[in-house]
Amino acid sequence: MPRGYAVTRQLVKDEARLRLAVPKGARLVLLDERGKELSTRQFAALLGTDTAFAIGGADGFSAQTREAGDMMVRLSSLTLAHALAQVVLLEQLYRAATLLTGHPYHRD
């Protein structure tokens, strides 16, 4: 089986699983190296509504998934292993939550 076919097939599977996993009405933020870079405060603002984050696979997201997403964000301009991307996302969620609850921010 040619590699291109296998990649396309995997992207279609990923898209189907993502569609089932994202709650109805949630904002879908795709985490991808081609996404927009946000400050911590901008990232925190994403949490004002129900938000679902999805980390792109080794081949990113399909064009259909990118269209279905509400926003693409990049955690780093470096390529991150998926486990490391999860840790970075969790740290940013923690940092955003502390900002939203009024905890003093060390950059102010």
PDB file of N, CA and C in Angstrom:
ATOM      1  N   MET A   1       0.853  -1.177   0.000  1.00  0.00           N
ATOM      2  CA  MET A   1       0.000   0.000   0.000  1.00  0.00           C
ATOM      3  C   MET A   1       0.900   1.241   0.000  1.00  0.00           C
ATOM      4  N   PRO A   2       0.677   2.185  -0.923  1.00  0.00           N
ATOM      5  CA  PRO A   2       1.506   3.407  -0.965  1.00  0.00           C
ATOM      6  C   PRO A   2       1.326   4.237   0.297  1.00  0.00           C
ATOM      7  N   ARG A   3       2.408   4.916   0.706  1.00  0.00           N
ATOM      8  CA  ARG A   3       2.392   5.721   1.929  1.00  0.00           C
ATOM      9  C   ARG A   3       1.301   6.778   1.895  1.00  0.00           C
ATOM     10  N   GLY A   4       1.123   7.469   0.786  1.00  0.00           N
ATOM     11  CA  GLY A   4       0.105   8.518   0.682  1.00  0.00           C
ATOM     12  C   GLY A   4      -1.293   7.999   0.990  1.00  0.00           C
ATOM     13  N   TYR A   5      -1.574   6.797   0.523  1.00  0.00           N
ATOM     14  CA  TYR A   5      -2.880   6.191   0.786  1.00  0.00           C
ATOM     15  C   TYR A   5      -3.041   5.905   2.267  1.00  0.00           C
ATOM     16  N   ALA A   6      -1.998   5.345   2.881  1.00  0.00           N
ATOM     17  CA  ALA A   6      -2.051   5.019   4.303  1.00  0.00           C
ATOM     18  C   ALA A   6      -2.235   6.278   5.151  1.00  0.00           C
ATOM     19  N   VAL A   7      -1.542   7.353   4.789  1.00  0.00           N
ATOM     20  CA  VAL A   7      -1.671   8.626   5.519  1.00  0.00           C
ATOM     21  C   VAL A   7      -3.088   9.150   5.389  1.00  0.00           C
ATOM     22  N   THR A   8      -3.626   9.165   4.191  1.00  0.00           N
ATOM     23  CA  THR A   8      -4.989   9.657   3.967  1.00  0.00           C
ATOM     24  C   THR A   8      -5.986   8.827   4.761  1.00  0.00           C
ATOM     25  N   ARG A   9      -5.806   7.527   4.756  1.00  0.00           N
ATOM     26  CA  ARG A   9      -6.709   6.644   5.495  1.00  0.00           C
ATOM     27  C   ARG A   9      -6.659   6.937   6.998  1.00  0.00           C
ATOM     28  N   GLN A  10      -5.444   7.166   7.514  1.00  0.00           N
ATOM     29  CA  GLN A  10      -5.301   7.473   8.938  1.00  0.00           C
ATOM     30  C   GLN A  10      -5.943   8.823   9.270  1.00  0.00           C
ATOM     31  N   LEU A  11      -5.775   9.810   8.407  1.00  0.00           N
ATOM     32  CA  LEU A  11      -6.382  11.130   8.647  1.00  0.00           C
ATOM     33  C   LEU A  11      -7.907  11.020   8.686  1.00  0.00           C
ATOM     34  N   VAL A  12      -8.473  10.211   7.825  1.00  0.00           N
ATOM     35  CA  VAL A  12      -9.930  10.014   7.805  1.00  0.00           C
ATOM     36  C   VAL A  12     -10.388   9.335   9.100  1.00  0.00           C
ATOM     37  N   LYS A  13      -9.634   8.325   9.563  1.00  0.00           N
ATOM     38  CA  LYS A  13      -9.960   7.665  10.839  1.00  0.00           C
ATOM     39  C   LYS A  13      -9.883   8.653  11.994  1.00  0.00           C
ATOM     40  N   ASP A  14      -8.809   9.450  12.005  1.00  0.00           N
ATOM     41  CA  ASP A  14      -8.637  10.437  13.075  1.00  0.00           C
ATOM     42  C   ASP A  14      -9.797  11.424  13.090  1.00  0.00           C
ATOM     43  N   GLU A  15     -10.215  11.857  11.905  1.00  0.00           N
ATOM     44  CA  GLU A  15     -11.312  12.826  11.813  1.00  0.00           C
ATOM     45  C   GLU A  15     -12.605  12.233  12.370  1.00  0.00           C
ATOM     46  N   ALA A  16     -12.890  10.986  12.049  1.00  0.00           N
ATOM     47  CA  ALA A  16     -14.109  10.333  12.533  1.00  0.00           C
ATOM     48  C   ALA A  16     -14.082  10.208  14.056  1.00  0.00           C
ATOM     49  N   ARG A  17     -12.940   9.812  14.618  1.00  0.00           N
ATOM     50  CA  ARG A  17     -12.822   9.688  16.074  1.00  0.00           C
ATOM     51  C   ARG A  17     -12.957  11.047  16.749  1.00  0.00           C
ATOM     52  N   LEU A  18     -12.386  12.067  16.138  1.00  0.00           N
ATOM     53  CA  LEU A  18     -12.459  13.413  16.707  1.00  0.00           C
ATOM     54  C   LEU A  18     -13.895  13.913  16.721  1.00  0.00           C
ATOM     55  N   ARG A  19     -14.609  13.684  15.632  1.00  0.00           N
ATOM     56  CA  ARG A  19     -16.002  14.113  15.559  1.00  0.00           C
ATOM     57  C   ARG A  19     -16.833  13.502  16.675  1.00  0.00           C
ATOM     58  N   LEU A  20     -16.573  12.246  16.990  1.00  0.00           N
ATOM     59  CA  LEU A  20     -17.316  11.572  18.063  1.00  0.00           C
ATOM     60  C   LEU A  20     -16.911  12.061  19.449  1.00  0.00           C
ATOM     61  N   ALA A  21     -15.677  12.492  19.596  1.00  0.00           N
ATOM     62  CA  ALA A  21     -15.146  12.861  20.912  1.00  0.00           C
ATOM     63  C   ALA A  21     -15.479  14.287  21.337  1.00  0.00           C
ATOM     64  N   VAL A  22     -15.674  15.187  20.382  1.00  0.00           N
ATOM     65  CA  VAL A  22     -15.897  16.599  20.715  1.00  0.00           C
ATOM     66  C   VAL A  22     -17.361  16.817  21.102  1.00  0.00           C
ATOM     67  N   PRO A  23     -17.598  17.348  22.299  1.00  0.00           N
ATOM     68  CA  PRO A  23     -18.982  17.604  22.721  1.00  0.00           C
ATOM     69  C   PRO A  23     -19.682  18.608  21.803  1.00  0.00           C
ATOM     70  N   LYS A  24     -20.957  18.396  21.600  1.00  0.00           N
ATOM     71  CA  LYS A  24     -21.747  19.335  20.778  1.00  0.00           C
ATOM     72  C   LYS A  24     -21.680  20.725  21.391  1.00  0.00           C
ATOM     73  N   GLY A  25     -21.469  21.716  20.553  1.00  0.00           N
ATOM     74  CA  GLY A  25     -21.425  23.094  21.002  1.00  0.00           C
ATOM     75  C   GLY A  25     -20.066  23.553  21.506  1.00  0.00           C
ATOM     76  N   ALA A  26     -19.125  22.634  21.628  1.00  0.00           N
ATOM     77  CA  ALA A  26     -17.793  23.017  22.111  1.00  0.00           C
ATOM     78  C   ALA A  26     -16.984  23.649  20.977  1.00  0.00           C
ATOM     79  N   ARG A  27     -16.177  24.613  21.341  1.00  0.00           N
ATOM     80  CA  ARG A  27     -15.233  25.206  20.387  1.00  0.00           C
ATOM     81  C   ARG A  27     -14.102  24.199  20.192  1.00  0.00           C
ATOM     82  N   LEU A  28     -13.778  23.891  18.934  1.00  0.00           N
ATOM     83  CA  LEU A  28     -12.717  22.937  18.635  1.00  0.00           C
ATOM     84  C   LEU A  28     -11.440  23.690  18.274  1.00  0.00           C
ATOM     85  N   VAL A  29     -10.441  23.558  19.139  1.00  0.00           N
ATOM     86  CA  VAL A  29      -9.139  24.186  18.911  1.00  0.00           C
ATOM     87  C   VAL A  29      -8.162  23.084  18.523  1.00  0.00           C
ATOM     88  N   LEU A  30      -7.641  23.192  17.320  1.00  0.00           N
ATOM     89  CA  LEU A  30      -6.689  22.213  16.812  1.00  0.00           C
ATOM     90  C   LEU A  30      -5.284  22.678  17.141  1.00  0.00           C
ATOM     91  N   LEU A  31      -4.513  21.821  17.790  1.00  0.00           N
ATOM     92  CA  LEU A  31      -3.132  22.148  18.126  1.00  0.00           C
ATOM     93  C   LEU A  31      -2.237  21.587  17.035  1.00  0.00           C
ATOM     94  N   ASP A  32      -1.627  22.499  16.298  1.00  0.00           N
ATOM     95  CA  ASP A  32      -0.861  22.131  15.119  1.00  0.00           C
ATOM     96  C   ASP A  32       0.274  23.127  14.938  1.00  0.00           C
ATOM     97  N   GLU A  33       1.406  22.663  14.467  1.00  0.00           N
ATOM     98  CA  GLU A  33       2.570  23.543  14.311  1.00  0.00           C
ATOM     99  C   GLU A  33       2.322  24.689  13.326  1.00  0.00           C
ATOM    100  N   ARG A  34       1.277  24.583  12.492  1.00  0.00           N
ATOM    101  CA  ARG A  34       0.949  25.659  11.543  1.00  0.00           C
ATOM    102  C   ARG A  34      -0.076  26.640  12.101  1.00  0.00           C
ATOM    103  N   GLY A  35      -0.473  26.435  13.353  1.00  0.00           N
ATOM    104  CA  GLY A  35      -1.487  27.280  13.961  1.00  0.00           C
ATOM    105  C   GLY A  35      -0.954  28.631  14.412  1.00  0.00           C
ATOM    106  N   LYS A  36      -1.869  29.422  14.936  1.00  0.00           N
ATOM    107  CA  LYS A  36      -1.558  30.760  15.428  1.00  0.00           C
ATOM    108  C   LYS A  36      -0.872  30.674  16.785  1.00  0.00           C
ATOM    109  N   GLU A  37       0.126  31.502  16.983  1.00  0.00           N
ATOM    110  CA  GLU A  37       0.812  31.558  18.275  1.00  0.00           C
ATOM    111  C   GLU A  37       0.063  32.539  19.180  1.00  0.00           C
ATOM    112  N   LEU A  38      -0.233  32.122  20.405  1.00  0.00           N
ATOM    113  CA  LEU A  38      -0.984  32.947  21.351  1.00  0.00           C
ATOM    114  C   LEU A  38      -0.142  33.255  22.579  1.00  0.00           C
ATOM    115  N   SER A  39      -0.444  34.391  23.197  1.00  0.00           N
ATOM    116  CA  SER A  39       0.141  34.682  24.503  1.00  0.00           C
ATOM    117  C   SER A  39      -0.640  33.875  25.548  1.00  0.00           C
ATOM    118  N   THR A  40      -0.135  33.832  26.751  1.00  0.00           N
ATOM    119  CA  THR A  40      -0.826  33.123  27.828  1.00  0.00           C
ATOM    120  C   THR A  40      -2.203  33.731  28.079  1.00  0.00           C
ATOM    121  N   ARG A  41      -2.291  35.043  28.061  1.00  0.00           N
ATOM    122  CA  ARG A  41      -3.591  35.702  28.274  1.00  0.00           C
ATOM    123  C   ARG A  41      -4.573  35.385  27.139  1.00  0.00           C
ATOM    124  N   GLN A  42      -4.085  35.371  25.907  1.00  0.00           N
ATOM    125  CA  GLN A  42      -4.953  35.015  24.779  1.00  0.00           C
ATOM    126  C   GLN A  42      -5.420  33.568  24.892  1.00  0.00           C
ATOM    127  N   PHE A  43      -4.510  32.699  25.303  1.00  0.00           N
ATOM    128  CA  PHE A  43      -4.862  31.296  25.488  1.00  0.00           C
ATOM    129  C   PHE A  43      -5.934  31.168  26.573  1.00  0.00           C
ATOM    130  N   ALA A  44      -5.770  31.903  27.670  1.00  0.00           N
ATOM    131  CA  ALA A  44      -6.739  31.860  28.769  1.00  0.00           C
ATOM    132  C   ALA A  44      -8.129  32.292  28.294  1.00  0.00           C
ATOM    133  N   ALA A  45      -8.166  33.249  27.382  1.00  0.00           N
ATOM    134  CA  ALA A  45      -9.453  33.736  26.872  1.00  0.00           C
ATOM    135  C   ALA A  45     -10.211  32.638  26.117  1.00  0.00           C
ATOM    136  N   LEU A  46      -9.509  31.651  25.601  1.00  0.00           N
ATOM    137  CA  LEU A  46     -10.172  30.546  24.905  1.00  0.00           C
ATOM    138  C   LEU A  46     -11.040  29.728  25.851  1.00  0.00           C
ATOM    139  N   LEU A  47     -10.718  29.778  27.131  1.00  0.00           N
ATOM    140  CA  LEU A  47     -11.410  28.934  28.090  1.00  0.00           C
ATOM    141  C   LEU A  47     -12.708  29.533  28.595  1.00  0.00           C
ATOM    142  N   GLY A  48     -13.106  30.671  28.055  1.00  0.00           N
ATOM    143  CA  GLY A  48     -14.342  31.313  28.473  1.00  0.00           C
ATOM    144  C   GLY A  48     -15.584  30.531  28.075  1.00  0.00           C
ATOM    145  N   THR A  49     -15.451  29.650  27.094  1.00  0.00           N
ATOM    146  CA  THR A  49     -16.565  28.806  26.656  1.00  0.00           C
ATOM    147  C   THR A  49     -16.075  27.359  26.651  1.00  0.00           C
ATOM    148  N   ASP A  50     -17.006  26.421  26.467  1.00  0.00           N
ATOM    149  CA  ASP A  50     -16.591  25.016  26.361  1.00  0.00           C
ATOM    150  C   ASP A  50     -15.624  24.885  25.197  1.00  0.00           C
ATOM    151  N   THR A  51     -14.454  24.367  25.480  1.00  0.00           N
ATOM    152  CA  THR A  51     -13.408  24.252  24.466  1.00  0.00           C
ATOM    153  C   THR A  51     -12.841  22.847  24.489  1.00  0.00           C
ATOM    154  N   ALA A  52     -12.709  22.267  23.313  1.00  0.00           N
ATOM    155  CA  ALA A  52     -12.065  20.963  23.168  1.00  0.00           C
ATOM    156  C   ALA A  52     -10.771  21.179  22.394  1.00  0.00           C
ATOM    157  N   PHE A  53      -9.693  20.610  22.892  1.00  0.00           N
ATOM    158  CA  PHE A  53      -8.396  20.711  22.230  1.00  0.00           C
ATOM    159  C   PHE A  53      -8.065  19.371  21.592  1.00  0.00           C
ATOM    160  N   ALA A  54      -7.515  19.415  20.395  1.00  0.00           N
ATOM    161  CA  ALA A  54      -7.087  18.197  19.709  1.00  0.00           C
ATOM    162  C   ALA A  54      -5.648  18.393  19.244  1.00  0.00           C
ATOM    163  N   ILE A  55      -4.809  17.413  19.552  1.00  0.00           N
ATOM    164  CA  ILE A  55      -3.402  17.452  19.136  1.00  0.00           C
ATOM    165  C   ILE A  55      -3.289  16.715  17.816  1.00  0.00           C
ATOM    166  N   GLY A  56      -2.684  17.364  16.845  1.00  0.00           N
ATOM    167  CA  GLY A  56      -2.534  16.769  15.521  1.00  0.00           C
ATOM    168  C   GLY A  56      -1.655  15.535  15.543  1.00  0.00           C
ATOM    169  N   GLY A  57      -1.949  14.612  14.654  1.00  0.00           N
ATOM    170  CA  GLY A  57      -1.135  13.411  14.516  1.00  0.00           C
ATOM    171  C   GLY A  57       0.175  13.730  13.816  1.00  0.00           C
ATOM    172  N   ALA A  58       0.944  12.706  13.567  1.00  0.00           N
ATOM    173  CA  ALA A  58       2.257  12.873  12.935  1.00  0.00           C
ATOM    174  C   ALA A  58       2.142  13.564  11.580  1.00  0.00           C
ATOM    175  N   ASP A  59       1.010  13.383  10.907  1.00  0.00           N
ATOM    176  CA  ASP A  59       0.795  14.011   9.610  1.00  0.00           C
ATOM    177  C   ASP A  59      -0.176  15.178   9.687  1.00  0.00           C
ATOM    178  N   GLY A  60      -0.395  15.677  10.894  1.00  0.00           N
ATOM    179  CA  GLY A  60      -1.268  16.836  11.064  1.00  0.00           C
ATOM    180  C   GLY A  60      -2.731  16.449  10.980  1.00  0.00           C
ATOM    181  N   PHE A  61      -3.547  17.403  10.541  1.00  0.00           N
ATOM    182  CA  PHE A  61      -4.985  17.200  10.391  1.00  0.00           C
ATOM    183  C   PHE A  61      -5.342  17.198   8.916  1.00  0.00           C
ATOM    184  N   SER A  62      -6.420  16.519   8.573  1.00  0.00           N
ATOM    185  CA  SER A  62      -6.912  16.554   7.201  1.00  0.00           C
ATOM    186  C   SER A  62      -7.471  17.944   6.917  1.00  0.00           C
ATOM    187  N   ALA A  63      -7.611  18.257   5.652  1.00  0.00           N
ATOM    188  CA  ALA A  63      -8.190  19.549   5.254  1.00  0.00           C
ATOM    189  C   ALA A  63      -9.598  19.681   5.822  1.00  0.00           C
ATOM    190  N   GLN A  64     -10.355  18.597   5.851  1.00  0.00           N
ATOM    191  CA  GLN A  64     -11.728  18.644   6.381  1.00  0.00           C
ATOM    192  C   GLN A  64     -11.724  18.943   7.876  1.00  0.00           C
ATOM    193  N   THR A  65     -10.783  18.351   8.596  1.00  0.00           N
ATOM    194  CA  THR A  65     -10.701  18.606  10.035  1.00  0.00           C
ATOM    195  C   THR A  65     -10.299  20.050  10.286  1.00  0.00           C
ATOM    196  N   ARG A  66      -9.349  20.558   9.510  1.00  0.00           N
ATOM    197  CA  ARG A  66      -8.939  21.966   9.668  1.00  0.00           C
ATOM    198  C   ARG A  66     -10.116  22.903   9.412  1.00  0.00           C
ATOM    199  N   GLU A  67     -10.960  22.570   8.448  1.00  0.00           N
ATOM    200  CA  GLU A  67     -12.147  23.397   8.163  1.00  0.00           C
ATOM    201  C   GLU A  67     -13.169  23.293   9.289  1.00  0.00           C
ATOM    202  N   ALA A  68     -13.288  22.109   9.879  1.00  0.00           N
ATOM    203  CA  ALA A  68     -14.265  21.893  10.952  1.00  0.00           C
ATOM    204  C   ALA A  68     -13.836  22.553  12.259  1.00  0.00           C
ATOM    205  N   GLY A  69     -12.536  22.719  12.444  1.00  0.00           N
ATOM    206  CA  GLY A  69     -12.034  23.341  13.666  1.00  0.00           C
ATOM    207  C   GLY A  69     -12.359  24.823  13.694  1.00  0.00           C
ATOM    208  N   ASP A  70     -12.512  25.343  14.889  1.00  0.00           N
ATOM    209  CA  ASP A  70     -12.796  26.766  15.046  1.00  0.00           C
ATOM    210  C   ASP A  70     -11.530  27.600  15.027  1.00  0.00           C
ATOM    211  N   MET A  71     -10.400  26.962  15.359  1.00  0.00           N
ATOM    212  CA  MET A  71      -9.145  27.699  15.454  1.00  0.00           C
ATOM    213  C   MET A  71      -7.997  26.704  15.453  1.00  0.00           C
ATOM    214  N   MET A  72      -6.875  27.112  14.876  1.00  0.00           N
ATOM    215  CA  MET A  72      -5.653  26.319  14.965  1.00  0.00           C
ATOM    216  C   MET A  72      -4.635  27.111  15.763  1.00  0.00           C
ATOM    217  N   VAL A  73      -4.061  26.459  16.777  1.00  0.00           N
ATOM    218  CA  VAL A  73      -3.096  27.096  17.670  1.00  0.00           C
ATOM    219  C   VAL A  73      -1.843  26.248  17.693  1.00  0.00           C
ATOM    220  N   ARG A  74      -0.713  26.922  17.799  1.00  0.00           N
ATOM    221  CA  ARG A  74       0.533  26.167  17.942  1.00  0.00           C
ATOM    222  C   ARG A  74       1.087  26.396  19.338  1.00  0.00           C
ATOM    223  N   LEU A  75       1.524  25.313  19.940  1.00  0.00           N
ATOM    224  CA  LEU A  75       2.119  25.385  21.267  1.00  0.00           C
ATOM    225  C   LEU A  75       3.579  25.813  21.191  1.00  0.00           C
ATOM    226  N   SER A  76       4.213  25.522  20.062  1.00  0.00           N
ATOM    227  CA  SER A  76       5.627  25.835  19.880  1.00  0.00           C
ATOM    228  C   SER A  76       5.935  25.796  18.391  1.00  0.00           C
ATOM    229  N   SER A  77       6.952  26.524  17.983  1.00  0.00           N
ATOM    230  CA  SER A  77       7.381  26.409  16.592  1.00  0.00           C
ATOM    231  C   SER A  77       8.247  25.169  16.407  1.00  0.00           C
ATOM    232  N   LEU A  78       8.622  24.532  17.517  1.00  0.00           N
ATOM    233  CA  LEU A  78       9.346  23.266  17.457  1.00  0.00           C
ATOM    234  C   LEU A  78       8.345  22.123  17.285  1.00  0.00           C
ATOM    235  N   THR A  79       8.781  21.045  16.691  1.00  0.00           N
ATOM    236  CA  THR A  79       7.949  19.860  16.619  1.00  0.00           C
ATOM    237  C   THR A  79       8.043  19.144  17.959  1.00  0.00           C
ATOM    238  N   LEU A  80       6.893  18.881  18.568  1.00  0.00           N
ATOM    239  CA  LEU A  80       6.857  18.240  19.885  1.00  0.00           C
ATOM    240  C   LEU A  80       6.316  16.818  19.768  1.00  0.00           C
ATOM    241  N   ALA A  81       6.897  15.905  20.520  1.00  0.00           N
ATOM    242  CA  ALA A  81       6.321  14.564  20.639  1.00  0.00           C
ATOM    243  C   ALA A  81       4.932  14.719  21.259  1.00  0.00           C
ATOM    244  N   HIS A  82       4.020  13.808  20.924  1.00  0.00           N
ATOM    245  CA  HIS A  82       2.647  13.953  21.404  1.00  0.00           C
ATOM    246  C   HIS A  82       2.556  13.997  22.927  1.00  0.00           C
ATOM    247  N   ALA A  83       3.330  13.165  23.594  1.00  0.00           N
ATOM    248  CA  ALA A  83       3.297  13.162  25.069  1.00  0.00           C
ATOM    249  C   ALA A  83       3.775  14.498  25.614  1.00  0.00           C
ATOM    250  N   LEU A  84       4.774  15.081  24.996  1.00  0.00           N
ATOM    251  CA  LEU A  84       5.271  16.381  25.441  1.00  0.00           C
ATOM    252  C   LEU A  84       4.246  17.479  25.135  1.00  0.00           C
ATOM    253  N   ALA A  85       3.596  17.400  23.989  1.00  0.00           N
ATOM    254  CA  ALA A  85       2.549  18.377  23.650  1.00  0.00           C
ATOM    255  C   ALA A  85       1.426  18.317  24.686  1.00  0.00           C
ATOM    256  N   GLN A  86       1.097  17.122  25.167  1.00  0.00           N
ATOM    257  CA  GLN A  86       0.065  16.991  26.200  1.00  0.00           C
ATOM    258  C   GLN A  86       0.501  17.677  27.489  1.00  0.00           C
ATOM    259  N   VAL A  87       1.764  17.511  27.863  1.00  0.00           N
ATOM    260  CA  VAL A  87       2.275  18.149  29.079  1.00  0.00           C
ATOM    261  C   VAL A  87       2.253  19.666  28.924  1.00  0.00           C
ATOM    262  N   VAL A  88       2.677  20.178  27.772  1.00  0.00           N
ATOM    263  CA  VAL A  88       2.675  21.628  27.530  1.00  0.00           C
ATOM    264  C   VAL A  88       1.236  22.144  27.574  1.00  0.00           C
ATOM    265  N   LEU A  89       0.313  21.425  26.964  1.00  0.00           N
ATOM    266  CA  LEU A  89      -1.100  21.830  26.998  1.00  0.00           C
ATOM    267  C   LEU A  89      -1.617  21.861  28.436  1.00  0.00           C
ATOM    268  N   LEU A  90      -1.331  20.825  29.215  1.00  0.00           N
ATOM    269  CA  LEU A  90      -1.788  20.794  30.613  1.00  0.00           C
ATOM    270  C   LEU A  90      -1.215  21.953  31.416  1.00  0.00           C
ATOM    271  N   GLU A  91       0.057  22.259  31.198  1.00  0.00           N
ATOM    272  CA  GLU A  91       0.671  23.380  31.913  1.00  0.00           C
ATOM    273  C   GLU A  91      -0.008  24.688  31.536  1.00  0.00           C
ATOM    274  N   GLN A  92      -0.309  24.876  30.272  1.00  0.00           N
ATOM    275  CA  GLN A  92      -0.977  26.100  29.834  1.00  0.00           C
ATOM    276  C   GLN A  92      -2.414  26.180  30.354  1.00  0.00           C
ATOM    277  N   LEU A  93      -3.089  25.042  30.420  1.00  0.00           N
ATOM    278  CA  LEU A  93      -4.433  25.028  31.004  1.00  0.00           C
ATOM    279  C   LEU A  93      -4.388  25.420  32.478  1.00  0.00           C
ATOM    280  N   TYR A  94      -3.408  24.903  33.203  1.00  0.00           N
ATOM    281  CA  TYR A  94      -3.237  25.275  34.607  1.00  0.00           C
ATOM    282  C   TYR A  94      -2.961  26.768  34.731  1.00  0.00           C
ATOM    283  N   ARG A  95      -2.039  27.267  33.935  1.00  0.00           N
ATOM    284  CA  ARG A  95      -1.673  28.690  33.976  1.00  0.00           C
ATOM    285  C   ARG A  95      -2.882  29.553  33.633  1.00  0.00           C
ATOM    286  N   ALA A  96      -3.635  29.150  32.611  1.00  0.00           N
ATOM    287  CA  ALA A  96      -4.832  29.906  32.210  1.00  0.00           C
ATOM    288  C   ALA A  96      -5.870  29.892  33.321  1.00  0.00           C
ATOM    289  N   ALA A  97      -6.057  28.748  33.953  1.00  0.00           N
ATOM    290  CA  ALA A  97      -7.035  28.653  35.038  1.00  0.00           C
ATOM    291  C   ALA A  97      -6.656  29.560  36.206  1.00  0.00           C
ATOM    292  N   THR A  98      -5.365  29.646  36.511  1.00  0.00           N
ATOM    293  CA  THR A  98      -4.956  30.528  37.607  1.00  0.00           C
ATOM    294  C   THR A  98      -5.221  31.983  37.235  1.00  0.00           C
ATOM    295  N   LEU A  99      -5.009  32.341  35.989  1.00  0.00           N
ATOM    296  CA  LEU A  99      -5.310  33.717  35.554  1.00  0.00           C
ATOM    297  C   LEU A  99      -6.801  34.004  35.679  1.00  0.00           C
ATOM    298  N   LEU A 100      -7.609  33.054  35.216  1.00  0.00           N
ATOM    299  CA  LEU A 100      -9.059  33.269  35.216  1.00  0.00           C
ATOM    300  C   LEU A 100      -9.655  33.312  36.620  1.00  0.00           C
ATOM    301  N   THR A 101      -8.966  32.744  37.599  1.00  0.00           N
ATOM    302  CA  THR A 101      -9.459  32.775  38.973  1.00  0.00           C
ATOM    303  C   THR A 101      -8.858  33.922  39.776  1.00  0.00           C
ATOM    304  N   GLY A 102      -8.110  34.800  39.084  1.00  0.00           N
ATOM    305  CA  GLY A 102      -7.596  35.992  39.745  1.00  0.00           C
ATOM    306  C   GLY A 102      -6.272  35.822  40.459  1.00  0.00           C
ATOM    307  N   HIS A 103      -5.634  34.706  40.271  1.00  0.00           N
ATOM    308  CA  HIS A 103      -4.318  34.504  40.879  1.00  0.00           C
ATOM    309  C   HIS A 103      -3.334  35.493  40.249  1.00  0.00           C
ATOM    310  N   PRO A 104      -2.447  36.103  41.048  1.00  0.00           N
ATOM    311  CA  PRO A 104      -1.487  37.049  40.475  1.00  0.00           C
ATOM    312  C   PRO A 104      -0.631  36.392  39.393  1.00  0.00           C
ATOM    313  N   TYR A 105      -0.437  37.105  38.328  1.00  0.00           N
ATOM    314  CA  TYR A 105       0.359  36.607  37.192  1.00  0.00           C
ATOM    315  C   TYR A 105       1.744  37.225  37.269  1.00  0.00           C
ATOM    316  N   HIS A 106       2.753  36.413  37.196  1.00  0.00           N
ATOM    317  CA  HIS A 106       4.121  36.883  37.392  1.00  0.00           C
ATOM    318  C   HIS A 106       4.597  37.851  36.312  1.00  0.00           C
ATOM    319  N   ARG A 107       3.875  37.971  35.218  1.00  0.00           N
ATOM    320  CA  ARG A 107       4.282  38.891  34.142  1.00  0.00           C
ATOM    321  C   ARG A 107       3.666  40.278  34.294  1.00  0.00           C
ATOM    322  N   ASP A 108       2.809  40.462  35.273  1.00  0.00           N
ATOM    323  CA  ASP A 108       2.170  41.780  35.473  1.00  0.00           C
ATOM    324  C   ASP A 108       3.037  42.664  36.353  1.00  0.00           C
TER     325      ASP A 108
END
